[in-house]
C-alpha atoms as a PDB file:
ATOM      1  CA  UNK A   1     -51.643 -98.692-150.099  1.00  0.00           C
ATOM      2  CA  UNK A   2     -54.053 -96.065-148.823  1.00  0.00           C
ATOM      3  CA  UNK A   3     -53.702 -92.426-147.881  1.00  0.00           C
ATOM      4  CA  UNK A   4     -55.652 -90.134-145.557  1.00  0.00           C
ATOM      5  CA  UNK A   5     -57.758 -87.084-146.381  1.00  0.00           C
ATOM      6  CA  UNK A   6     -56.424 -85.594-143.141  1.00  0.00           C
ATOM      7  CA  UNK A   7     -52.704 -86.027-143.936  1.00  0.00           C
ATOM      8  CA  UNK A   8     -50.497 -82.987-144.543  1.00  0.00           C
ATOM      9  CA  UNK A   9     -53.053 -80.349-143.581  1.00  0.00           C
ATOM     10  CA  UNK A  10     -51.820 -76.758-143.695  1.00  0.00           C
ATOM     11  CA  UNK A  11     -51.378 -75.054-140.311  1.00  0.00           C
ATOM     12  CA  UNK A  12     -54.071 -72.841-138.802  1.00  0.00           C
ATOM     13  CA  UNK A  13     -53.913 -69.333-140.176  1.00  0.00           C
ATOM     14  CA  UNK A  14     -52.400 -70.301-143.535  1.00  0.00           C
ATOM     15  CA  UNK A  15     -52.711 -67.453-146.010  1.00  0.00           C
ATOM     16  CA  UNK A  16     -54.103 -69.554-148.850  1.00  0.00           C
ATOM     17  CA  UNK A  17     -56.532 -72.391-149.245  1.00  0.00           C
ATOM     18  CA  UNK A  18     -54.978 -75.706-150.240  1.00  0.00           C
ATOM     19  CA  UNK A  19     -56.363 -77.562-153.279  1.00  0.00           C
ATOM     20  CA  UNK A  20     -55.183 -81.168-153.755  1.00  0.00           C
ATOM     21  CA  UNK A  21     -56.326 -83.273-156.712  1.00  0.00           C
ATOM     22  CA  UNK A  22     -57.008 -86.784-155.437  1.00  0.00           C
ATOM     23  CA  UNK A  23     -58.201 -88.182-158.764  1.00  0.00           C
ATOM     24  CA  UNK A  24     -58.181 -86.436-162.120  1.00  0.00           C
ATOM     25  CA  UNK A  25     -59.502 -88.141-165.230  1.00  0.00           C
ATOM     26  CA  UNK A  26     -61.240 -86.826-168.329  1.00  0.00           C
ATOM     27  CA  UNK A  27     -64.633 -85.597-167.121  1.00  0.00           C
ATOM     28  CA  UNK A  28     -63.949 -86.126-163.417  1.00  0.00           C
ATOM     29  CA  UNK A  29     -61.987 -84.278-160.748  1.00  0.00           C
ATOM     30  CA  UNK A  30     -62.036 -85.258-157.081  1.00  0.00           C
ATOM     31  CA  UNK A  31     -60.188 -82.834-154.852  1.00  0.00           C
ATOM     32  CA  UNK A  32     -59.583 -82.057-151.230  1.00  0.00           C
ATOM     33  CA  UNK A  33     -59.890 -78.401-150.307  1.00  0.00           C
ATOM     34  CA  UNK A  34     -58.565 -77.140-146.979  1.00  0.00           C
ATOM     35  CA  UNK A  35     -59.682 -73.712-145.788  1.00  0.00           C
ATOM     36  CA  UNK A  36     -58.206 -71.996-142.741  1.00  0.00           C
ATOM     37  CA  UNK A  37     -60.457 -68.975-142.391  1.00  0.00           C
ATOM     38  CA  UNK A  38     -60.662 -68.009-146.062  1.00  0.00           C
ATOM     39  CA  UNK A  39     -63.738 -66.636-147.837  1.00  0.00           C
ATOM     40  CA  UNK A  40     -64.497 -65.578-151.389  1.00  0.00           C
ATOM     41  CA  UNK A  41     -63.354 -62.039-152.208  1.00  0.00           C
ATOM     42  CA  UNK A  42     -66.064 -59.344-151.970  1.00  0.00           C
ATOM     43  CA  UNK A  43     -68.262 -59.386-155.063  1.00  0.00           C
ATOM     44  CA  UNK A  44     -66.768 -62.662-156.372  1.00  0.00           C
ATOM     45  CA  UNK A  45     -69.090 -65.521-157.387  1.00  0.00           C
ATOM     46  CA  UNK A  46     -68.184 -68.995-158.611  1.00  0.00           C
ATOM     47  CA  UNK A  47     -70.132 -69.864-161.756  1.00  0.00           C
ATOM     48  CA  UNK A  48     -68.675 -73.145-162.950  1.00  0.00           C
ATOM     49  CA  UNK A  49     -69.616 -74.926-166.181  1.00  0.00           C
ATOM     50  CA  UNK A  50     -69.547 -78.324-164.427  1.00  0.00           C
ATOM     51  CA  UNK A  51     -71.600 -79.683-161.531  1.00  0.00           C
ATOM     52  CA  UNK A  52     -69.908 -79.871-158.131  1.00  0.00           C
ATOM     53  CA  UNK A  53     -70.792 -82.148-155.227  1.00  0.00           C
ATOM     54  CA  UNK A  54     -69.201 -81.097-151.937  1.00  0.00           C
ATOM     55  CA  UNK A  55     -68.961 -82.821-148.564  1.00  0.00           C
ATOM     56  CA  UNK A  56     -67.707 -80.997-145.481  1.00  0.00           C
ATOM     57  CA  UNK A  57     -65.452 -83.386-143.553  1.00  0.00           C
ATOM     58  CA  UNK A  58     -64.330 -81.092-140.730  1.00  0.00           C
ATOM     59  CA  UNK A  59     -64.600 -77.476-139.650  1.00  0.00           C
ATOM     60  CA  UNK A  60     -67.491 -75.209-140.545  1.00  0.00           C
ATOM     61  CA  UNK A  61     -68.459 -72.998-143.477  1.00  0.00           C
ATOM     62  CA  UNK A  62     -71.136 -70.639-144.771  1.00  0.00           C
ATOM     63  CA  UNK A  63     -71.882 -71.069-148.453  1.00  0.00           C
ATOM     64  CA  UNK A  64     -74.092 -68.486-150.170  1.00  0.00           C
ATOM     65  CA  UNK A  65     -76.088 -68.948-153.364  1.00  0.00           C
ATOM     66  CA  UNK A  66     -77.077 -65.891-155.356  1.00  0.00           C
ATOM     67  CA  UNK A  67     -80.642 -67.188-155.714  1.00  0.00           C
ATOM     68  CA  UNK A  68     -81.195 -67.661-151.950  1.00  0.00           C
ATOM     69  CA  UNK A  69     -81.570 -65.029-149.221  1.00  0.00           C
ATOM     70  CA  UNK A  70     -79.782 -66.872-146.413  1.00  0.00           C
ATOM     71  CA  UNK A  71     -76.391 -68.600-146.481  1.00  0.00           C
ATOM     72  CA  UNK A  72     -76.202 -72.369-146.122  1.00  0.00           C
ATOM     73  CA  UNK A  73     -74.355 -73.406-142.960  1.00  0.00           C
ATOM     74  CA  UNK A  74     -72.256 -76.521-143.431  1.00  0.00           C
ATOM     75  CA  UNK A  75     -71.064 -78.701-140.550  1.00  0.00           C
ATOM     76  CA  UNK A  76     -69.109 -81.979-140.713  1.00  0.00           C
ATOM     77  CA  UNK A  77     -71.096 -84.541-142.651  1.00  0.00           C
ATOM     78  CA  UNK A  78     -73.190 -81.985-144.572  1.00  0.00           C
ATOM     79  CA  UNK A  79     -73.083 -82.256-148.344  1.00  0.00           C
ATOM     80  CA  UNK A  80     -74.762 -80.619-151.308  1.00  0.00           C
ATOM     81  CA  UNK A  81     -74.877 -80.775-155.062  1.00  0.00           C
ATOM     82  CA  UNK A  82     -74.220 -77.496-156.857  1.00  0.00           C
ATOM     83  CA  UNK A  83     -75.766 -77.308-160.322  1.00  0.00           C
ATOM     84  CA  UNK A  84     -73.676 -76.040-163.232  1.00  0.00           C
ATOM     85  CA  UNK A  85     -73.718 -72.240-163.619  1.00  0.00           C
ATOM     86  CA  UNK A  86     -75.336 -71.773-160.179  1.00  0.00           C
ATOM     87  CA  UNK A  87     -73.664 -68.715-158.737  1.00  0.00           C
ATOM     88  CA  UNK A  88     -72.267 -69.324-155.261  1.00  0.00           C
ATOM     89  CA  UNK A  89     -69.560 -68.074-152.920  1.00  0.00           C
ATOM     90  CA  UNK A  90     -67.938 -68.974-149.631  1.00  0.00           C
ATOM     91  CA  UNK A  91     -68.974 -66.340-147.089  1.00  0.00           C
ATOM     92  CA  UNK A  92     -66.936 -67.755-144.197  1.00  0.00           C
ATOM     93  CA  UNK A  93     -64.861 -70.696-143.017  1.00  0.00           C
ATOM     94  CA  UNK A  94     -63.853 -71.368-139.418  1.00  0.00           C
ATOM     95  CA  UNK A  95     -60.690 -69.381-138.633  1.00  0.00           C
ATOM     96  CA  UNK A  96     -59.628 -71.505-135.670  1.00  0.00           C
ATOM     97  CA  UNK A  97     -59.502 -74.918-137.369  1.00  0.00           C
ATOM     98  CA  UNK A  98     -59.022 -76.514-140.751  1.00  0.00           C
ATOM     99  CA  UNK A  99     -62.202 -76.780-142.780  1.00  0.00           C
ATOM    100  CA  UNK A 100     -61.734 -79.832-144.979  1.00  0.00           C
ATOM    101  CA  UNK A 101     -63.935 -80.286-148.047  1.00  0.00           C
ATOM    102  CA  UNK A 102     -64.209 -83.174-150.493  1.00  0.00           C
ATOM    103  CA  UNK A 103     -65.290 -81.848-153.891  1.00  0.00           C
ATOM    104  CA  UNK A 104     -66.299 -83.865-156.930  1.00  0.00           C
ATOM    105  CA  UNK A 105     -66.479 -81.922-160.205  1.00  0.00           C
ATOM    106  CA  UNK A 106     -68.277 -83.547-163.120  1.00  0.00           C
ATOM    107  CA  UNK A 107     -69.477 -82.354-166.509  1.00  0.00           C
ATOM    108  CA  UNK A 108     -73.104 -81.793-167.379  1.00  0.00           C
ATOM    109  CA  UNK A 109     -74.734 -84.730-169.135  1.00  0.00           C
END
């Protein structure tokens, strides 16, 4: 039996992002993230010990890296690999639609 990455999406304007673990095993986490206009709090930076590969499935987002001057605009189909400890934040996600991400977290080898 299969499921859909687009099933049970939160409604537009939801107060919180939705994080759903799709597969969790030692050393591997695959999750769906649904944003509905959220952004990282002012001054907050993610700095994760594991690598993260993200694919934007729908919506739109601006992701900022501390070591780059301009934010990275993500549209459906865009993906990137975020190195461990690379400081980054979400500057913006589309407020008028669900922005659906597929994220794969893996440890450093």
